[in-house]
Protein backbone atom coordinates (compact mmCIF):
# COMPACT_ATOMS: atom_id res chain seq x y z
CA MET A 1 93.36 -9.43 267.44
CA LYS A 2 91.50 -12.40 268.16
CA GLY A 3 93.71 -14.88 270.63
CA GLU A 4 95.64 -12.09 271.53
CA ILE A 5 96.82 -12.39 275.57
CA ARG A 6 98.09 -8.51 277.00
CA TYR A 7 99.48 -7.96 280.23
CA ASP A 8 100.45 -4.54 282.04
CA LYS A 9 102.38 -5.07 285.21
CA ASP A 10 102.05 -1.62 285.93
CA VAL A 11 99.01 -2.16 287.10
CA ASP A 12 98.90 -6.03 287.13
CA ILE A 13 96.20 -6.99 284.62
CA ALA A 14 95.80 -9.05 282.04
CA MET A 15 93.63 -8.82 279.08
CA VAL A 16 92.69 -12.41 277.24
CA VAL A 17 90.59 -11.22 273.27
CA LEU A 18 88.30 -13.51 272.33
CA SER A 19 86.50 -12.15 269.80
CA ASP A 20 86.21 -8.85 267.37
CA LYS A 21 83.64 -7.91 267.60
CA LYS A 22 82.02 -5.03 269.14
CA LEU A 23 81.52 -4.47 273.16
CA ALA A 24 77.67 -3.72 274.35
CA TYR A 25 78.18 -4.69 278.19
CA GLU A 26 80.34 -5.77 281.15
CA THR A 27 80.12 -7.64 284.17
CA GLU A 28 82.45 -7.91 286.59
CA MET A 29 82.64 -11.07 288.71
CA ASP A 30 85.67 -10.92 291.67
CA ASP A 31 89.09 -10.40 289.48
CA VAL A 32 87.65 -10.64 286.37
CA ILE A 33 85.55 -8.33 284.29
CA VAL A 34 84.04 -10.08 281.03
CA GLY A 35 83.09 -7.84 277.77
CA PHE A 36 79.94 -8.89 275.64
CA SER A 37 78.76 -8.73 272.29
CA GLU A 38 75.18 -7.94 271.70
CA ASP A 39 74.38 -11.19 271.16
CA ASN A 40 75.88 -12.68 274.80
CA GLU A 41 78.84 -13.70 273.23
CA PRO A 42 81.91 -13.02 275.82
CA ILE A 43 84.35 -11.52 273.94
CA TRP A 44 87.18 -10.26 276.38
CA LEU A 45 87.92 -11.50 279.78
CA GLU A 46 90.14 -8.34 282.14
CA ILE A 47 91.65 -10.64 284.95
CA LEU A 48 92.59 -7.88 287.56
CA ASN A 49 95.49 -8.43 290.30
CA VAL A 50 96.93 -11.13 288.27
CA GLY A 51 100.44 -11.34 290.28
CA SER A 52 98.73 -10.80 293.68
CA GLY A 53 95.85 -12.44 293.41
CA PHE A 54 94.75 -14.54 290.37
CA LEU A 55 97.88 -16.68 289.76
CA PRO A 56 98.24 -17.50 293.22
CA ARG A 57 94.57 -18.46 293.63
CA LEU A 58 94.96 -20.44 290.56
CA ASP A 59 98.54 -21.94 291.91
CA ARG A 60 96.36 -23.63 295.02
CA VAL A 61 93.32 -24.71 292.59
CA VAL A 62 95.75 -26.34 290.58
CA LYS A 63 97.80 -28.01 293.52
CA ARG A 64 95.10 -29.34 295.14
CA ALA A 65 93.53 -30.64 291.46
CA MET A 66 97.28 -32.51 291.60
CA ALA A 67 96.52 -33.86 295.24
CA VAL A 68 93.50 -35.44 294.68
CA GLU A 69 94.05 -37.36 291.35
CA ALA A 70 97.00 -38.64 293.44
CA SER A 71 94.79 -40.21 296.07
CA VAL A 72 93.31 -41.25 293.00
CA THR A 73 95.52 -43.02 291.50
């Protein structure tokens, strides 16, 4: 399952699996929950509100970065 990305449109959540290690604990940061192994390695990311929150914010960040890059060159 390592490297797998899953999306559930019914609940608007994306899961990014980074490792096959066993989950020890998780931490929530805004709309992202990160699962960690016993050795504090991130093993998965659960992105909440993908369509209504995460992707629109990501789109704005990318557009700002592109505008900055265009003004520098």
